Amino acid sequence: MFNLAVPFFIPVWRRLCVVVVAVIWGLFEVSTGAVFWGVIFLGMGFIAAWKFSTADWEAVAQEEDDLQ
């Protein structure tokens, strides 16, 4: 659906922040009773984690170097 294998996410801390913020926000939404939004944000967090874990970050870094 979304291409998350972009040079902006090469640093691991950025990828981790995206996943953690989405999951924490989803848990917050569920805890306040907004289950629909909680499921949406938890799903986004898990999908982002899956896409980040399956991306070839060496190839992304190489493409960025080739463009410069």
PDB file of N, CA and C in Angstrom:
ATOM      1  N   MET A   1       0.820  -1.178   0.000  1.00  0.00           N
ATOM      2  CA  MET A   1       0.000   0.000   0.000  1.00  0.00           C
ATOM      3  C   MET A   1       0.877   1.260   0.000  1.00  0.00           C
ATOM      4  N   PHE A   2       1.817   1.326   0.940  1.00  0.00           N
ATOM      5  CA  PHE A   2       2.728   2.456   1.003  1.00  0.00           C
ATOM      6  C   PHE A   2       4.147   1.948   0.875  1.00  0.00           C
ATOM      7  N   ASN A   3       4.979   2.742   0.214  1.00  0.00           N
ATOM      8  CA  ASN A   3       6.390   2.390   0.102  1.00  0.00           C
ATOM      9  C   ASN A   3       7.133   3.081   1.243  1.00  0.00           C
ATOM     10  N   LEU A   4       7.492   2.327   2.251  1.00  0.00           N
ATOM     11  CA  LEU A   4       8.211   2.889   3.389  1.00  0.00           C
ATOM     12  C   LEU A   4       9.723   2.724   3.250  1.00  0.00           C
ATOM     13  N   ALA A   5      10.167   2.104   2.178  1.00  0.00           N
ATOM     14  CA  ALA A   5      11.607   1.921   1.949  1.00  0.00           C
ATOM     15  C   ALA A   5      12.158   3.150   1.231  1.00  0.00           C
ATOM     16  N   VAL A   6      12.210   4.253   1.952  1.00  0.00           N
ATOM     17  CA  VAL A   6      12.728   5.509   1.424  1.00  0.00           C
ATOM     18  C   VAL A   6      13.931   5.925   2.266  1.00  0.00           C
ATOM     19  N   PRO A   7      14.808   6.753   1.697  1.00  0.00           N
ATOM     20  CA  PRO A   7      16.024   7.136   2.427  1.00  0.00           C
ATOM     21  C   PRO A   7      15.776   7.801   3.785  1.00  0.00           C
ATOM     22  N   PHE A   8      14.643   8.451   3.964  1.00  0.00           N
ATOM     23  CA  PHE A   8      14.351   9.089   5.247  1.00  0.00           C
ATOM     24  C   PHE A   8      14.381   8.088   6.400  1.00  0.00           C
ATOM     25  N   PHE A   9      13.990   6.841   6.138  1.00  0.00           N
ATOM     26  CA  PHE A   9      13.909   5.829   7.181  1.00  0.00           C
ATOM     27  C   PHE A   9      15.158   4.961   7.295  1.00  0.00           C
ATOM     28  N   ILE A  10      16.263   5.349   6.711  1.00  0.00           N
ATOM     29  CA  ILE A  10      17.491   4.557   6.833  1.00  0.00           C
ATOM     30  C   ILE A  10      17.951   4.462   8.289  1.00  0.00           C
ATOM     31  N   PRO A  11      17.943   5.556   9.065  1.00  0.00           N
ATOM     32  CA  PRO A  11      18.317   5.402  10.486  1.00  0.00           C
ATOM     33  C   PRO A  11      17.289   4.553  11.242  1.00  0.00           C
ATOM     34  N   VAL A  12      17.779   3.599  11.995  1.00  0.00           N
ATOM     35  CA  VAL A  12      16.900   2.672  12.705  1.00  0.00           C
ATOM     36  C   VAL A  12      16.014   3.404  13.702  1.00  0.00           C
ATOM     37  N   TRP A  13      16.500   4.453  14.330  1.00  0.00           N
ATOM     38  CA  TRP A  13      15.712   5.150  15.350  1.00  0.00           C
ATOM     39  C   TRP A  13      14.448   5.774  14.763  1.00  0.00           C
ATOM     40  N   ARG A  14      14.491   6.199  13.501  1.00  0.00           N
ATOM     41  CA  ARG A  14      13.288   6.765  12.879  1.00  0.00           C
ATOM     42  C   ARG A  14      12.237   5.693  12.648  1.00  0.00           C
ATOM     43  N   ARG A  15      12.684   4.524  12.198  1.00  0.00           N
ATOM     44  CA  ARG A  15      11.745   3.420  11.994  1.00  0.00           C
ATOM     45  C   ARG A  15      11.120   2.992  13.308  1.00  0.00           C
ATOM     46  N   LEU A  16      11.945   2.906  14.333  1.00  0.00           N
ATOM     47  CA  LEU A  16      11.470   2.510  15.651  1.00  0.00           C
ATOM     48  C   LEU A  16      10.467   3.525  16.191  1.00  0.00           C
ATOM     49  N   CYS A  17      10.746   4.807  16.022  1.00  0.00           N
ATOM     50  CA  CYS A  17       9.823   5.845  16.502  1.00  0.00           C
ATOM     51  C   CYS A  17       8.463   5.755  15.826  1.00  0.00           C
ATOM     52  N   VAL A  18       8.448   5.522  14.525  1.00  0.00           N
ATOM     53  CA  VAL A  18       7.175   5.422  13.798  1.00  0.00           C
ATOM     54  C   VAL A  18       6.343   4.265  14.342  1.00  0.00           C
ATOM     55  N   VAL A  19       6.964   3.121  14.529  1.00  0.00           N
ATOM     56  CA  VAL A  19       6.237   1.945  15.013  1.00  0.00           C
ATOM     57  C   VAL A  19       5.768   2.156  16.450  1.00  0.00           C
ATOM     58  N   VAL A  20       6.653   2.646  17.309  1.00  0.00           N
ATOM     59  CA  VAL A  20       6.311   2.823  18.720  1.00  0.00           C
ATOM     60  C   VAL A  20       5.187   3.847  18.888  1.00  0.00           C
ATOM     61  N   VAL A  21       5.268   4.971  18.186  1.00  0.00           N
ATOM     62  CA  VAL A  21       4.231   5.997  18.312  1.00  0.00           C
ATOM     63  C   VAL A  21       2.880   5.463  17.842  1.00  0.00           C
ATOM     64  N   ALA A  22       2.858   4.752  16.731  1.00  0.00           N
ATOM     65  CA  ALA A  22       1.590   4.216  16.228  1.00  0.00           C
ATOM     66  C   ALA A  22       0.988   3.202  17.200  1.00  0.00           C
ATOM     67  N   VAL A  23       1.805   2.318  17.743  1.00  0.00           N
ATOM     68  CA  VAL A  23       1.300   1.295  18.661  1.00  0.00           C
ATOM     69  C   VAL A  23       0.846   1.930  19.973  1.00  0.00           C
ATOM     70  N   ILE A  24       1.632   2.855  20.507  1.00  0.00           N
ATOM     71  CA  ILE A  24       1.230   3.517  21.756  1.00  0.00           C
ATOM     72  C   ILE A  24      -0.059   4.306  21.560  1.00  0.00           C
ATOM     73  N   TRP A  25      -0.177   4.988  20.428  1.00  0.00           N
ATOM     74  CA  TRP A  25      -1.411   5.743  20.181  1.00  0.00           C
ATOM     75  C   TRP A  25      -2.604   4.793  20.034  1.00  0.00           C
ATOM     76  N   GLY A  26      -2.393   3.674  19.387  1.00  0.00           N
ATOM     77  CA  GLY A  26      -3.461   2.689  19.264  1.00  0.00           C
ATOM     78  C   GLY A  26      -3.888   2.151  20.622  1.00  0.00           C
ATOM     79  N   LEU A  27      -2.932   1.877  21.488  1.00  0.00           N
ATOM     80  CA  LEU A  27      -3.259   1.404  22.832  1.00  0.00           C
ATOM     81  C   LEU A  27      -3.987   2.481  23.636  1.00  0.00           C
ATOM     82  N   PHE A  28      -3.587   3.721  23.449  1.00  0.00           N
ATOM     83  CA  PHE A  28      -4.277   4.826  24.117  1.00  0.00           C
ATOM     84  C   PHE A  28      -5.728   4.909  23.648  1.00  0.00           C
ATOM     85  N   GLU A  29      -5.938   4.805  22.356  1.00  0.00           N
ATOM     86  CA  GLU A  29      -7.295   4.873  21.822  1.00  0.00           C
ATOM     87  C   GLU A  29      -8.163   3.734  22.360  1.00  0.00           C
ATOM     88  N   VAL A  30      -7.603   2.540  22.415  1.00  0.00           N
ATOM     89  CA  VAL A  30      -8.359   1.396  22.939  1.00  0.00           C
ATOM     90  C   VAL A  30      -8.680   1.613  24.417  1.00  0.00           C
ATOM     91  N   SER A  31      -7.713   2.157  25.167  1.00  0.00           N
ATOM     92  CA  SER A  31      -7.936   2.351  26.604  1.00  0.00           C
ATOM     93  C   SER A  31      -8.988   3.420  26.895  1.00  0.00           C
ATOM     94  N   THR A  32      -9.199   4.342  25.962  1.00  0.00           N
ATOM     95  CA  THR A  32     -10.213   5.369  26.172  1.00  0.00           C
ATOM     96  C   THR A  32     -11.569   4.973  25.587  1.00  0.00           C
ATOM     97  N   GLY A  33     -11.643   3.790  25.012  1.00  0.00           N
ATOM     98  CA  GLY A  33     -12.915   3.294  24.508  1.00  0.00           C
ATOM     99  C   GLY A  33     -13.127   3.470  23.020  1.00  0.00           C
ATOM    100  N   ALA A  34     -12.181   4.071  22.323  1.00  0.00           N
ATOM    101  CA  ALA A  34     -12.300   4.266  20.881  1.00  0.00           C
ATOM    102  C   ALA A  34     -11.644   3.067  20.179  1.00  0.00           C
ATOM    103  N   VAL A  35     -12.328   1.946  20.222  1.00  0.00           N
ATOM    104  CA  VAL A  35     -11.763   0.692  19.709  1.00  0.00           C
ATOM    105  C   VAL A  35     -11.484   0.775  18.212  1.00  0.00           C
ATOM    106  N   PHE A  36     -12.364   1.396  17.458  1.00  0.00           N
ATOM    107  CA  PHE A  36     -12.174   1.502  16.012  1.00  0.00           C
ATOM    108  C   PHE A  36     -10.844   2.172  15.700  1.00  0.00           C
ATOM    109  N   TRP A  37     -10.601   3.343  16.288  1.00  0.00           N
ATOM    110  CA  TRP A  37      -9.364   4.060  16.019  1.00  0.00           C
ATOM    111  C   TRP A  37      -8.162   3.327  16.594  1.00  0.00           C
ATOM    112  N   GLY A  38      -8.367   2.645  17.695  1.00  0.00           N
ATOM    113  CA  GLY A  38      -7.286   1.848  18.263  1.00  0.00           C
ATOM    114  C   GLY A  38      -6.839   0.751  17.323  1.00  0.00           C
ATOM    115  N   VAL A  39      -7.794   0.067  16.731  1.00  0.00           N
ATOM    116  CA  VAL A  39      -7.465  -0.999  15.781  1.00  0.00           C
ATOM    117  C   VAL A  39      -6.769  -0.421  14.548  1.00  0.00           C
ATOM    118  N   ILE A  40      -7.222   0.741  14.083  1.00  0.00           N
ATOM    119  CA  ILE A  40      -6.597   1.383  12.924  1.00  0.00           C
ATOM    120  C   ILE A  40      -5.125   1.684  13.214  1.00  0.00           C
ATOM    121  N   PHE A  41      -4.849   2.328  14.350  1.00  0.00           N
ATOM    122  CA  PHE A  41      -3.471   2.703  14.662  1.00  0.00           C
ATOM    123  C   PHE A  41      -2.605   1.496  14.998  1.00  0.00           C
ATOM    124  N   LEU A  42      -3.147   0.512  15.684  1.00  0.00           N
ATOM    125  CA  LEU A  42      -2.380  -0.706  15.944  1.00  0.00           C
ATOM    126  C   LEU A  42      -2.046  -1.415  14.627  1.00  0.00           C
ATOM    127  N   GLY A  43      -3.011  -1.459  13.731  1.00  0.00           N
ATOM    128  CA  GLY A  43      -2.760  -2.064  12.418  1.00  0.00           C
ATOM    129  C   GLY A  43      -1.690  -1.318  11.653  1.00  0.00           C
ATOM    130  N   MET A  44      -1.749   0.022  11.689  1.00  0.00           N
ATOM    131  CA  MET A  44      -0.714   0.814  11.003  1.00  0.00           C
ATOM    132  C   MET A  44       0.654   0.545  11.602  1.00  0.00           C
ATOM    133  N   GLY A  45       0.731   0.427  12.914  1.00  0.00           N
ATOM    134  CA  GLY A  45       2.006   0.153  13.564  1.00  0.00           C
ATOM    135  C   GLY A  45       2.562  -1.201  13.168  1.00  0.00           C
ATOM    136  N   PHE A  46       1.697  -2.210  13.146  1.00  0.00           N
ATOM    137  CA  PHE A  46       2.160  -3.546  12.783  1.00  0.00           C
ATOM    138  C   PHE A  46       2.521  -3.644  11.301  1.00  0.00           C
ATOM    139  N   ILE A  47       1.772  -2.984  10.453  1.00  0.00           N
ATOM    140  CA  ILE A  47       2.108  -2.987   9.027  1.00  0.00           C
ATOM    141  C   ILE A  47       3.429  -2.258   8.787  1.00  0.00           C
ATOM    142  N   ALA A  48       3.631  -1.126   9.464  1.00  0.00           N
ATOM    143  CA  ALA A  48       4.897  -0.393   9.331  1.00  0.00           C
ATOM    144  C   ALA A  48       6.057  -1.258   9.811  1.00  0.00           C
ATOM    145  N   ALA A  49       5.882  -1.947  10.937  1.00  0.00           N
ATOM    146  CA  ALA A  49       6.950  -2.820  11.444  1.00  0.00           C
ATOM    147  C   ALA A  49       7.261  -3.923  10.444  1.00  0.00           C
ATOM    148  N   TRP A  50       6.234  -4.500   9.839  1.00  0.00           N
ATOM    149  CA  TRP A  50       6.442  -5.560   8.863  1.00  0.00           C
ATOM    150  C   TRP A  50       7.166  -5.021   7.622  1.00  0.00           C
ATOM    151  N   LYS A  51       6.718  -3.855   7.119  1.00  0.00           N
ATOM    152  CA  LYS A  51       7.357  -3.282   5.930  1.00  0.00           C
ATOM    153  C   LYS A  51       8.800  -2.883   6.216  1.00  0.00           C
ATOM    154  N   PHE A  52       9.054  -2.325   7.405  1.00  0.00           N
ATOM    155  CA  PHE A  52      10.418  -1.949   7.763  1.00  0.00           C
ATOM    156  C   PHE A  52      11.318  -3.177   7.895  1.00  0.00           C
ATOM    157  N   SER A  53      10.771  -4.269   8.395  1.00  0.00           N
ATOM    158  CA  SER A  53      11.599  -5.456   8.597  1.00  0.00           C
ATOM    159  C   SER A  53      11.870  -6.204   7.291  1.00  0.00           C
ATOM    160  N   THR A  54      11.044  -6.003   6.275  1.00  0.00           N
ATOM    161  CA  THR A  54      11.253  -6.723   5.015  1.00  0.00           C
ATOM    162  C   THR A  54      11.962  -5.878   3.954  1.00  0.00           C
ATOM    163  N   ALA A  55      12.217  -4.613   4.253  1.00  0.00           N
ATOM    164  CA  ALA A  55      12.864  -3.739   3.265  1.00  0.00           C
ATOM    165  C   ALA A  55      14.366  -4.028   3.203  1.00  0.00           C
ATOM    166  N   ASP A  56      14.935  -3.834   2.035  1.00  0.00           N
ATOM    167  CA  ASP A  56      16.376  -3.985   1.829  1.00  0.00           C
ATOM    168  C   ASP A  56      17.025  -2.611   1.981  1.00  0.00           C
ATOM    169  N   TRP A  57      17.474  -2.306   3.200  1.00  0.00           N
ATOM    170  CA  TRP A  57      17.973  -0.965   3.494  1.00  0.00           C
ATOM    171  C   TRP A  57      19.309  -0.677   2.832  1.00  0.00           C
ATOM    172  N   GLU A  58      20.079  -1.713   2.545  1.00  0.00           N
ATOM    173  CA  GLU A  58      21.339  -1.498   1.813  1.00  0.00           C
ATOM    174  C   GLU A  58      21.055  -1.018   0.392  1.00  0.00           C
ATOM    175  N   ALA A  59      20.048  -1.578  -0.239  1.00  0.00           N
ATOM    176  CA  ALA A  59      19.673  -1.155  -1.595  1.00  0.00           C
ATOM    177  C   ALA A  59      19.130   0.265  -1.587  1.00  0.00           C
ATOM    178  N   VAL A  60      18.368   0.613  -0.563  1.00  0.00           N
ATOM    179  CA  VAL A  60      17.834   1.973  -0.464  1.00  0.00           C
ATOM    180  C   VAL A  60      18.976   2.968  -0.299  1.00  0.00           C
ATOM    181  N   ALA A  61      19.944   2.636   0.548  1.00  0.00           N
ATOM    182  CA  ALA A  61      21.099   3.517   0.747  1.00  0.00           C
ATOM    183  C   ALA A  61      21.920   3.629  -0.539  1.00  0.00           C
ATOM    184  N   GLN A  62      22.055   2.538  -1.258  1.00  0.00           N
ATOM    185  CA  GLN A  62      22.809   2.565  -2.514  1.00  0.00           C
ATOM    186  C   GLN A  62      22.098   3.437  -3.551  1.00  0.00           C
ATOM    187  N   GLU A  63      20.772   3.342  -3.638  1.00  0.00           N
ATOM    188  CA  GLU A  63      20.014   4.182  -4.570  1.00  0.00           C
ATOM    189  C   GLU A  63      20.170   5.660  -4.227  1.00  0.00           C
ATOM    190  N   GLU A  64      20.177   5.961  -2.925  1.00  0.00           N
ATOM    191  CA  GLU A  64      20.355   7.354  -2.511  1.00  0.00           C
ATOM    192  C   GLU A  64      21.733   7.869  -2.903  1.00  0.00           C
ATOM    193  N   ASP A  65      22.755   7.014  -2.724  1.00  0.00           N
ATOM    194  CA  ASP A  65      24.109   7.413  -3.119  1.00  0.00           C
ATOM    195  C   ASP A  65      24.228   7.605  -4.628  1.00  0.00           C
ATOM    196  N   ASP A  66      23.523   6.778  -5.383  1.00  0.00           N
ATOM    197  CA  ASP A  66      23.571   6.881  -6.844  1.00  0.00           C
ATOM    198  C   ASP A  66      22.927   8.178  -7.338  1.00  0.00           C
ATOM    199  N   LEU A  67      21.915   8.662  -6.606  1.00  0.00           N
ATOM    200  CA  LEU A  67      21.225   9.890  -7.012  1.00  0.00           C
ATOM    201  C   LEU A  67      22.050  11.139  -6.713  1.00  0.00           C
ATOM    202  N   GLN A  68      22.970  11.029  -5.791  1.00  0.00           N
ATOM    203  CA  GLN A  68      23.748  12.222  -5.417  1.00  0.00           C
ATOM    204  C   GLN A  68      25.005  12.347  -6.212  1.00  0.00           C
TER     205      GLN A  68
END
